[in-house]
Amino acid sequence: MADSSESTVLISGDAVALRRWTEAAGTTGDPHTRPYETVGTVLDGRLEVHLGDDVTTCAAGDSYRVPADAQRHYVVLEDLVAIEATAPPAS
């Protein structure tokens, strides 16, 4: 499974980009914002999505949405494989 963080852009268009994201268990990020919306689906593993004070735990088959400019961070609970789309495309 995931030995370290990896993000591979699968395709990018004018209005959306799609990436495959792998991340090792125990990884956590600092709270931040992004100027784009993100939607994702967990293919394998488990992930906490923190949006402000709200926390959602996602496992394989679960999807999540992060609005543009929302305060966010992730906590990877189990080695993760996810597919994410960003709109507009992340630069």
PDB file of N, CA and C in Angstrom:
ATOM      1  N   MET A   1       0.847  -1.183   0.000  1.00  0.00           N
ATOM      2  CA  MET A   1       0.000   0.000   0.000  1.00  0.00           C
ATOM      3  C   MET A   1       0.885   1.236   0.000  1.00  0.00           C
ATOM      4  N   ALA A   2       0.375   2.345   0.468  1.00  0.00           N
ATOM      5  CA  ALA A   2       1.060   3.635   0.391  1.00  0.00           C
ATOM      6  C   ALA A   2       2.265   3.688   1.316  1.00  0.00           C
ATOM      7  N   ASP A   3       3.448   3.969   0.771  1.00  0.00           N
ATOM      8  CA  ASP A   3       4.645   4.143   1.579  1.00  0.00           C
ATOM      9  C   ASP A   3       4.859   5.609   1.916  1.00  0.00           C
ATOM     10  N   SER A   4       4.352   6.499   1.074  1.00  0.00           N
ATOM     11  CA  SER A   4       4.466   7.932   1.285  1.00  0.00           C
ATOM     12  C   SER A   4       3.374   8.604   0.469  1.00  0.00           C
ATOM     13  N   SER A   5       3.330   9.910   0.574  1.00  0.00           N
ATOM     14  CA  SER A   5       2.316  10.661  -0.147  1.00  0.00           C
ATOM     15  C   SER A   5       2.624  10.678  -1.639  1.00  0.00           C
ATOM     16  N   GLU A   6       1.578  10.450  -2.422  1.00  0.00           N
ATOM     17  CA  GLU A   6       1.720  10.542  -3.872  1.00  0.00           C
ATOM     18  C   GLU A   6       0.423  11.062  -4.448  1.00  0.00           C
ATOM     19  N   SER A   7       0.543  12.018  -5.331  1.00  0.00           N
ATOM     20  CA  SER A   7      -0.615  12.575  -6.020  1.00  0.00           C
ATOM     21  C   SER A   7      -0.306  12.579  -7.505  1.00  0.00           C
ATOM     22  N   THR A   8      -1.145  11.900  -8.276  1.00  0.00           N
ATOM     23  CA  THR A   8      -0.952  11.807  -9.716  1.00  0.00           C
ATOM     24  C   THR A   8      -2.154  12.415 -10.413  1.00  0.00           C
ATOM     25  N   VAL A   9      -1.930  13.464 -11.190  1.00  0.00           N
ATOM     26  CA  VAL A   9      -3.014  14.051 -11.970  1.00  0.00           C
ATOM     27  C   VAL A   9      -3.354  13.070 -13.085  1.00  0.00           C
ATOM     28  N   LEU A  10      -4.605  12.622 -13.109  1.00  0.00           N
ATOM     29  CA  LEU A  10      -5.055  11.675 -14.121  1.00  0.00           C
ATOM     30  C   LEU A  10      -5.471  12.386 -15.394  1.00  0.00           C
ATOM     31  N   ILE A  11      -6.181  13.510 -15.233  1.00  0.00           N
ATOM     32  CA  ILE A  11      -6.595  14.324 -16.370  1.00  0.00           C
ATOM     33  C   ILE A  11      -6.988  15.695 -15.849  1.00  0.00           C
ATOM     34  N   SER A  12      -6.762  16.713 -16.663  1.00  0.00           N
ATOM     35  CA  SER A  12      -7.124  18.075 -16.294  1.00  0.00           C
ATOM     36  C   SER A  12      -7.750  18.755 -17.497  1.00  0.00           C
ATOM     37  N   GLY A  13      -8.886  19.380 -17.259  1.00  0.00           N
ATOM     38  CA  GLY A  13      -9.579  20.114 -18.311  1.00  0.00           C
ATOM     39  C   GLY A  13      -9.641  21.591 -17.972  1.00  0.00           C
ATOM     40  N   ASP A  14     -10.519  22.310 -18.654  1.00  0.00           N
ATOM     41  CA  ASP A  14     -10.666  23.744 -18.407  1.00  0.00           C
ATOM     42  C   ASP A  14     -11.364  24.023 -17.085  1.00  0.00           C
ATOM     43  N   ALA A  15     -12.263  23.133 -16.651  1.00  0.00           N
ATOM     44  CA  ALA A  15     -13.089  23.418 -15.478  1.00  0.00           C
ATOM     45  C   ALA A  15     -12.903  22.419 -14.334  1.00  0.00           C
ATOM     46  N   VAL A  16     -12.143  21.342 -14.541  1.00  0.00           N
ATOM     47  CA  VAL A  16     -12.003  20.323 -13.498  1.00  0.00           C
ATOM     48  C   VAL A  16     -10.707  19.548 -13.707  1.00  0.00           C
ATOM     49  N   ALA A  17     -10.150  19.038 -12.596  1.00  0.00           N
ATOM     50  CA  ALA A  17      -8.984  18.160 -12.656  1.00  0.00           C
ATOM     51  C   ALA A  17      -9.273  16.933 -11.799  1.00  0.00           C
ATOM     52  N   LEU A  18      -8.708  15.797 -12.192  1.00  0.00           N
ATOM     53  CA  LEU A  18      -8.911  14.534 -11.484  1.00  0.00           C
ATOM     54  C   LEU A  18      -7.543  13.981 -11.112  1.00  0.00           C
ATOM     55  N   ARG A  19      -7.404  13.556  -9.825  1.00  0.00           N
ATOM     56  CA  ARG A  19      -6.124  13.006  -9.382  1.00  0.00           C
ATOM     57  C   ARG A  19      -6.332  11.744  -8.571  1.00  0.00           C
ATOM     58  N   ARG A  20      -5.309  10.894  -8.554  1.00  0.00           N
ATOM     59  CA  ARG A  20      -5.251   9.719  -7.683  1.00  0.00           C
ATOM     60  C   ARG A  20      -4.323  10.093  -6.540  1.00  0.00           C
ATOM     61  N   TRP A  21      -4.792   9.904  -5.307  1.00  0.00           N
ATOM     62  CA  TRP A  21      -4.045  10.313  -4.125  1.00  0.00           C
ATOM     63  C   TRP A  21      -3.775   9.098  -3.252  1.00  0.00           C
ATOM     64  N   THR A  22      -2.510   8.856  -2.913  1.00  0.00           N
ATOM     65  CA  THR A  22      -2.142   7.820  -1.953  1.00  0.00           C
ATOM     66  C   THR A  22      -1.410   8.492  -0.799  1.00  0.00           C
ATOM     67  N   GLU A  23      -1.664   7.987   0.406  1.00  0.00           N
ATOM     68  CA  GLU A  23      -1.070   8.587   1.596  1.00  0.00           C
ATOM     69  C   GLU A  23      -0.937   7.511   2.666  1.00  0.00           C
ATOM     70  N   ALA A  24       0.165   7.522   3.391  1.00  0.00           N
ATOM     71  CA  ALA A  24       0.415   6.546   4.451  1.00  0.00           C
ATOM     72  C   ALA A  24      -0.401   6.872   5.698  1.00  0.00           C
ATOM     73  N   ALA A  25      -0.797   5.818   6.419  1.00  0.00           N
ATOM     74  CA  ALA A  25      -1.498   5.975   7.693  1.00  0.00           C
ATOM     75  C   ALA A  25      -0.655   6.829   8.636  1.00  0.00           C
ATOM     76  N   GLY A  26      -1.336   7.657   9.433  1.00  0.00           N
ATOM     77  CA  GLY A  26      -0.662   8.509  10.396  1.00  0.00           C
ATOM     78  C   GLY A  26      -0.339   9.892   9.872  1.00  0.00           C
ATOM     79  N   THR A  27      -0.540  10.101   8.579  1.00  0.00           N
ATOM     80  CA  THR A  27      -0.268  11.407   7.995  1.00  0.00           C
ATOM     81  C   THR A  27      -1.368  12.385   8.389  1.00  0.00           C
ATOM     82  N   THR A  28      -0.966  13.570   8.763  1.00  0.00           N
ATOM     83  CA  THR A  28      -1.923  14.633   9.067  1.00  0.00           C
ATOM     84  C   THR A  28      -1.381  15.923   8.481  1.00  0.00           C
ATOM     85  N   GLY A  29      -2.273  16.794   8.101  1.00  0.00           N
ATOM     86  CA  GLY A  29      -1.858  18.068   7.531  1.00  0.00           C
ATOM     87  C   GLY A  29      -2.278  19.216   8.426  1.00  0.00           C
ATOM     88  N   ASP A  30      -1.636  20.345   8.251  1.00  0.00           N
ATOM     89  CA  ASP A  30      -2.022  21.548   8.972  1.00  0.00           C
ATOM     90  C   ASP A  30      -3.290  22.125   8.356  1.00  0.00           C
ATOM     91  N   PRO A  31      -4.127  22.755   9.170  1.00  0.00           N
ATOM     92  CA  PRO A  31      -5.317  23.419   8.606  1.00  0.00           C
ATOM     93  C   PRO A  31      -4.911  24.451   7.552  1.00  0.00           C
ATOM     94  N   HIS A  32      -5.668  24.481   6.467  1.00  0.00           N
ATOM     95  CA  HIS A  32      -5.375  25.393   5.360  1.00  0.00           C
ATOM     96  C   HIS A  32      -6.657  25.619   4.562  1.00  0.00           C
ATOM     97  N   THR A  33      -6.594  26.506   3.601  1.00  0.00           N
ATOM     98  CA  THR A  33      -7.691  26.719   2.661  1.00  0.00           C
ATOM     99  C   THR A  33      -7.150  26.557   1.251  1.00  0.00           C
ATOM    100  N   ARG A  34      -8.053  26.300   0.320  1.00  0.00           N
ATOM    101  CA  ARG A  34      -7.724  26.238  -1.107  1.00  0.00           C
ATOM    102  C   ARG A  34      -8.810  27.002  -1.865  1.00  0.00           C
ATOM    103  N   PRO A  35      -8.466  27.646  -2.956  1.00  0.00           N
ATOM    104  CA  PRO A  35      -9.450  28.456  -3.682  1.00  0.00           C
ATOM    105  C   PRO A  35     -10.327  27.643  -4.640  1.00  0.00           C
ATOM    106  N   TYR A  36     -10.368  26.324  -4.455  1.00  0.00           N
ATOM    107  CA  TYR A  36     -11.149  25.466  -5.330  1.00  0.00           C
ATOM    108  C   TYR A  36     -11.927  24.447  -4.505  1.00  0.00           C
ATOM    109  N   GLU A  37     -13.020  23.964  -5.080  1.00  0.00           N
ATOM    110  CA  GLU A  37     -13.820  22.900  -4.464  1.00  0.00           C
ATOM    111  C   GLU A  37     -13.146  21.555  -4.741  1.00  0.00           C
ATOM    112  N   THR A  38     -13.235  20.645  -3.770  1.00  0.00           N
ATOM    113  CA  THR A  38     -12.704  19.296  -3.918  1.00  0.00           C
ATOM    114  C   THR A  38     -13.801  18.291  -3.599  1.00  0.00           C
ATOM    115  N   VAL A  39     -13.955  17.291  -4.440  1.00  0.00           N
ATOM    116  CA  VAL A  39     -14.810  16.141  -4.138  1.00  0.00           C
ATOM    117  C   VAL A  39     -13.935  14.908  -4.300  1.00  0.00           C
ATOM    118  N   GLY A  40     -14.180  13.904  -3.446  1.00  0.00           N
ATOM    119  CA  GLY A  40     -13.349  12.711  -3.510  1.00  0.00           C
ATOM    120  C   GLY A  40     -14.103  11.473  -3.102  1.00  0.00           C
ATOM    121  N   THR A  41     -13.549  10.337  -3.480  1.00  0.00           N
ATOM    122  CA  THR A  41     -14.055   9.020  -3.093  1.00  0.00           C
ATOM    123  C   THR A  41     -12.879   8.191  -2.609  1.00  0.00           C
ATOM    124  N   VAL A  42     -13.048   7.571  -1.444  1.00  0.00           N
ATOM    125  CA  VAL A  42     -12.017   6.704  -0.889  1.00  0.00           C
ATOM    126  C   VAL A  42     -12.148   5.332  -1.552  1.00  0.00           C
ATOM    127  N   LEU A  43     -11.060   4.868  -2.162  1.00  0.00           N
ATOM    128  CA  LEU A  43     -11.039   3.544  -2.770  1.00  0.00           C
ATOM    129  C   LEU A  43     -10.566   2.495  -1.780  1.00  0.00           C
ATOM    130  N   ASP A  44      -9.630   2.869  -0.905  1.00  0.00           N
ATOM    131  CA  ASP A  44      -9.088   1.944   0.082  1.00  0.00           C
ATOM    132  C   ASP A  44      -8.563   2.765   1.253  1.00  0.00           C
ATOM    133  N   GLY A  45      -8.699   2.233   2.469  1.00  0.00           N
ATOM    134  CA  GLY A  45      -8.209   2.910   3.664  1.00  0.00           C
ATOM    135  C   GLY A  45      -9.293   3.724   4.346  1.00  0.00           C
ATOM    136  N   ARG A  46      -8.854   4.559   5.303  1.00  0.00           N
ATOM    137  CA  ARG A  46      -9.779   5.433   6.039  1.00  0.00           C
ATOM    138  C   ARG A  46      -9.133   6.795   6.231  1.00  0.00           C
ATOM    139  N   LEU A  47      -9.985   7.815   6.243  1.00  0.00           N
ATOM    140  CA  LEU A  47      -9.556   9.205   6.250  1.00  0.00           C
ATOM    141  C   LEU A  47     -10.520  10.024   7.077  1.00  0.00           C
ATOM    142  N   GLU A  48      -9.992  10.935   7.904  1.00  0.00           N
ATOM    143  CA  GLU A  48     -10.823  11.957   8.539  1.00  0.00           C
ATOM    144  C   GLU A  48     -10.696  13.233   7.731  1.00  0.00           C
ATOM    145  N   VAL A  49     -11.833  13.822   7.390  1.00  0.00           N
ATOM    146  CA  VAL A  49     -11.871  15.104   6.706  1.00  0.00           C
ATOM    147  C   VAL A  49     -12.353  16.130   7.732  1.00  0.00           C
ATOM    148  N   HIS A  50     -11.495  17.081   8.060  1.00  0.00           N
ATOM    149  CA  HIS A  50     -11.818  18.125   9.035  1.00  0.00           C
ATOM    150  C   HIS A  50     -12.164  19.400   8.279  1.00  0.00           C
ATOM    151  N   LEU A  51     -13.382  19.878   8.460  1.00  0.00           N
ATOM    152  CA  LEU A  51     -13.848  21.137   7.869  1.00  0.00           C
ATOM    153  C   LEU A  51     -14.250  22.045   9.024  1.00  0.00           C
ATOM    154  N   GLY A  52     -13.405  23.013   9.347  1.00  0.00           N
ATOM    155  CA  GLY A  52     -13.668  23.829  10.529  1.00  0.00           C
ATOM    156  C   GLY A  52     -13.729  22.919  11.740  1.00  0.00           C
ATOM    157  N   ASP A  53     -14.855  22.951  12.486  1.00  0.00           N
ATOM    158  CA  ASP A  53     -15.027  22.109  13.671  1.00  0.00           C
ATOM    159  C   ASP A  53     -15.692  20.771  13.358  1.00  0.00           C
ATOM    160  N   ASP A  54     -16.115  20.545  12.116  1.00  0.00           N
ATOM    161  CA  ASP A  54     -16.780  19.305  11.721  1.00  0.00           C
ATOM    162  C   ASP A  54     -15.756  18.273  11.256  1.00  0.00           C
ATOM    163  N   VAL A  55     -15.958  17.023  11.692  1.00  0.00           N
ATOM    164  CA  VAL A  55     -15.073  15.924  11.297  1.00  0.00           C
ATOM    165  C   VAL A  55     -15.928  14.804  10.715  1.00  0.00           C
ATOM    166  N   THR A  56     -15.554  14.343   9.515  1.00  0.00           N
ATOM    167  CA  THR A  56     -16.229  13.232   8.872  1.00  0.00           C
ATOM    168  C   THR A  56     -15.199  12.139   8.614  1.00  0.00           C
ATOM    169  N   THR A  57     -15.519  10.912   9.021  1.00  0.00           N
ATOM    170  CA  THR A  57     -14.635   9.778   8.750  1.00  0.00           C
ATOM    171  C   THR A  57     -15.147   9.050   7.516  1.00  0.00           C
ATOM    172  N   CYS A  58     -14.251   8.830   6.567  1.00  0.00           N
ATOM    173  CA  CYS A  58     -14.601   8.161   5.313  1.00  0.00           C
ATOM    174  C   CYS A  58     -13.776   6.891   5.171  1.00  0.00           C
ATOM    175  N   ALA A  59     -14.431   5.827   4.744  1.00  0.00           N
ATOM    176  CA  ALA A  59     -13.782   4.544   4.471  1.00  0.00           C
ATOM    177  C   ALA A  59     -14.024   4.199   3.005  1.00  0.00           C
ATOM    178  N   ALA A  60     -13.486   3.074   2.561  1.00  0.00           N
ATOM    179  CA  ALA A  60     -13.638   2.650   1.166  1.00  0.00           C
ATOM    180  C   ALA A  60     -15.107   2.718   0.757  1.00  0.00           C
ATOM    181  N   GLY A  61     -15.363   3.397  -0.357  1.00  0.00           N
ATOM    182  CA  GLY A  61     -16.714   3.550  -0.874  1.00  0.00           C
ATOM    183  C   GLY A  61     -17.388   4.838  -0.462  1.00  0.00           C
ATOM    184  N   ASP A  62     -16.832   5.541   0.535  1.00  0.00           N
ATOM    185  CA  ASP A  62     -17.410   6.807   0.986  1.00  0.00           C
ATOM    186  C   ASP A  62     -16.859   7.964   0.152  1.00  0.00           C
ATOM    187  N   SER A  63     -17.682   8.992  -0.006  1.00  0.00           N
ATOM    188  CA  SER A  63     -17.286  10.189  -0.737  1.00  0.00           C
ATOM    189  C   SER A  63     -17.341  11.394   0.185  1.00  0.00           C
ATOM    190  N   TYR A  64     -16.625  12.439  -0.180  1.00  0.00           N
ATOM    191  CA  TYR A  64     -16.590  13.669   0.604  1.00  0.00           C
ATOM    192  C   TYR A  64     -16.534  14.875  -0.323  1.00  0.00           C
ATOM    193  N   ARG A  65     -16.925  16.030   0.236  1.00  0.00           N
ATOM    194  CA  ARG A  65     -16.906  17.305  -0.488  1.00  0.00           C
ATOM    195  C   ARG A  65     -16.295  18.358   0.415  1.00  0.00           C
ATOM    196  N   VAL A  66     -15.370  19.134  -0.139  1.00  0.00           N
ATOM    197  CA  VAL A  66     -14.747  20.236   0.578  1.00  0.00           C
ATOM    198  C   VAL A  66     -14.977  21.501  -0.245  1.00  0.00           C
ATOM    199  N   PRO A  67     -15.780  22.443   0.272  1.00  0.00           N
ATOM    200  CA  PRO A  67     -16.056  23.671  -0.486  1.00  0.00           C
ATOM    201  C   PRO A  67     -14.796  24.519  -0.684  1.00  0.00           C
ATOM    202  N   ALA A  68     -14.801  25.324  -1.726  1.00  0.00           N
ATOM    203  CA  ALA A  68     -13.714  26.277  -1.956  1.00  0.00           C
ATOM    204  C   ALA A  68     -13.592  27.193  -0.745  1.00  0.00           C
ATOM    205  N   ASP A  69     -12.367  27.535  -0.398  1.00  0.00           N
ATOM    206  CA  ASP A  69     -12.040  28.480   0.674  1.00  0.00           C
ATOM    207  C   ASP A  69     -12.414  28.001   2.074  1.00  0.00           C
ATOM    208  N   ALA A  70     -12.809  26.734   2.237  1.00  0.00           N
ATOM    209  CA  ALA A  70     -13.134  26.199   3.559  1.00  0.00           C
ATOM    210  C   ALA A  70     -11.851  25.854   4.309  1.00  0.00           C
ATOM    211  N   GLN A  71     -11.833  26.133   5.613  1.00  0.00           N
ATOM    212  CA  GLN A  71     -10.722  25.714   6.467  1.00  0.00           C
ATOM    213  C   GLN A  71     -10.760  24.191   6.536  1.00  0.00           C
ATOM    214  N   ARG A  72      -9.672  23.519   6.186  1.00  0.00           N
ATOM    215  CA  ARG A  72      -9.665  22.056   6.074  1.00  0.00           C
ATOM    216  C   ARG A  72      -8.331  21.468   6.487  1.00  0.00           C
ATOM    217  N   HIS A  73      -8.370  20.208   6.885  1.00  0.00           N
ATOM    218  CA  HIS A  73      -7.182  19.362   6.953  1.00  0.00           C
ATOM    219  C   HIS A  73      -7.647  17.915   7.010  1.00  0.00           C
ATOM    220  N   TYR A  74      -6.709  17.012   6.740  1.00  0.00           N
ATOM    221  CA  TYR A  74      -7.000  15.589   6.663  1.00  0.00           C
ATOM    222  C   TYR A  74      -6.155  14.839   7.681  1.00  0.00           C
ATOM    223  N   VAL A  75      -6.698  13.735   8.201  1.00  0.00           N
ATOM    224  CA  VAL A  75      -5.945  12.806   9.036  1.00  0.00           C
ATOM    225  C   VAL A  75      -6.143  11.427   8.414  1.00  0.00           C
ATOM    226  N   VAL A  76      -5.051  10.795   7.998  1.00  0.00           N
ATOM    227  CA  VAL A  76      -5.126   9.489   7.358  1.00  0.00           C
ATOM    228  C   VAL A  76      -5.038   8.425   8.453  1.00  0.00           C
ATOM    229  N   LEU A  77      -6.128   7.670   8.630  1.00  0.00           N
ATOM    230  CA  LEU A  77      -6.223   6.660   9.685  1.00  0.00           C
ATOM    231  C   LEU A  77      -5.665   5.316   9.250  1.00  0.00           C
ATOM    232  N   GLU A  78      -5.844   4.961   7.972  1.00  0.00           N
ATOM    233  CA  GLU A  78      -5.314   3.729   7.382  1.00  0.00           C
ATOM    234  C   GLU A  78      -4.770   4.086   6.009  1.00  0.00           C
ATOM    235  N   ASP A  79      -3.722   3.388   5.564  1.00  0.00           N
ATOM    236  CA  ASP A  79      -3.152   3.679   4.241  1.00  0.00           C
ATOM    237  C   ASP A  79      -4.268   3.970   3.255  1.00  0.00           C
ATOM    238  N   LEU A  80      -4.128   5.070   2.540  1.00  0.00           N
ATOM    239  CA  LEU A  80      -5.221   5.630   1.746  1.00  0.00           C
ATOM    240  C   LEU A  80      -4.943   5.583   0.255  1.00  0.00           C
ATOM    241  N   VAL A  81      -5.981   5.236  -0.505  1.00  0.00           N
ATOM    242  CA  VAL A  81      -6.023   5.457  -1.944  1.00  0.00           C
ATOM    243  C   VAL A  81      -7.365   6.130  -2.202  1.00  0.00           C
ATOM    244  N   ALA A  82      -7.326   7.316  -2.818  1.00  0.00           N
ATOM    245  CA  ALA A  82      -8.550   8.066  -3.108  1.00  0.00           C
ATOM    246  C   ALA A  82      -8.447   8.684  -4.495  1.00  0.00           C
ATOM    247  N   ILE A  83      -9.592   8.990  -5.048  1.00  0.00           N
ATOM    248  CA  ILE A  83      -9.671   9.749  -6.294  1.00  0.00           C
ATOM    249  C   ILE A  83     -10.330  11.074  -5.933  1.00  0.00           C
ATOM    250  N   GLU A  84      -9.719  12.188  -6.348  1.00  0.00           N
ATOM    251  CA  GLU A  84     -10.260  13.521  -6.065  1.00  0.00           C
ATOM    252  C   GLU A  84     -10.396  14.321  -7.348  1.00  0.00           C
ATOM    253  N   ALA A  85     -11.435  15.128  -7.386  1.00  0.00           N
ATOM    254  CA  ALA A  85     -11.630  16.094  -8.454  1.00  0.00           C
ATOM    255  C   ALA A  85     -11.651  17.476  -7.843  1.00  0.00           C
ATOM    256  N   THR A  86     -11.016  18.421  -8.519  1.00  0.00           N
ATOM    257  CA  THR A  86     -11.013  19.808  -8.071  1.00  0.00           C
ATOM    258  C   THR A  86     -11.582  20.689  -9.177  1.00  0.00           C
ATOM    259  N   ALA A  87     -12.372  21.679  -8.757  1.00  0.00           N
ATOM    260  CA  ALA A  87     -12.964  22.593  -9.723  1.00  0.00           C
ATOM    261  C   ALA A  87     -12.958  23.999  -9.145  1.00  0.00           C
ATOM    262  N   PRO A  88     -12.379  24.956  -9.827  1.00  0.00           N
ATOM    263  CA  PRO A  88     -11.585  24.763 -11.049  1.00  0.00           C
ATOM    264  C   PRO A  88     -10.322  23.960 -10.742  1.00  0.00           C
ATOM    265  N   PRO A  89      -9.587  23.521 -11.773  1.00  0.00           N
ATOM    266  CA  PRO A  89      -8.421  22.673 -11.537  1.00  0.00           C
ATOM    267  C   PRO A  89      -7.425  23.321 -10.587  1.00  0.00           C
ATOM    268  N   ALA A  90      -6.849  22.529  -9.703  1.00  0.00           N
ATOM    269  CA  ALA A  90      -5.800  23.015  -8.814  1.00  0.00           C
ATOM    270  C   ALA A  90      -4.571  23.341  -9.640  1.00  0.00           C
ATOM    271  N   SER A  91      -3.888  24.393  -9.267  1.00  0.00           N
ATOM    272  CA  SER A  91      -2.678  24.753 -10.030  1.00  0.00           C
ATOM    273  C   SER A  91      -1.437  24.178  -9.411  1.00  0.00           C
TER     274      SER A  91
END
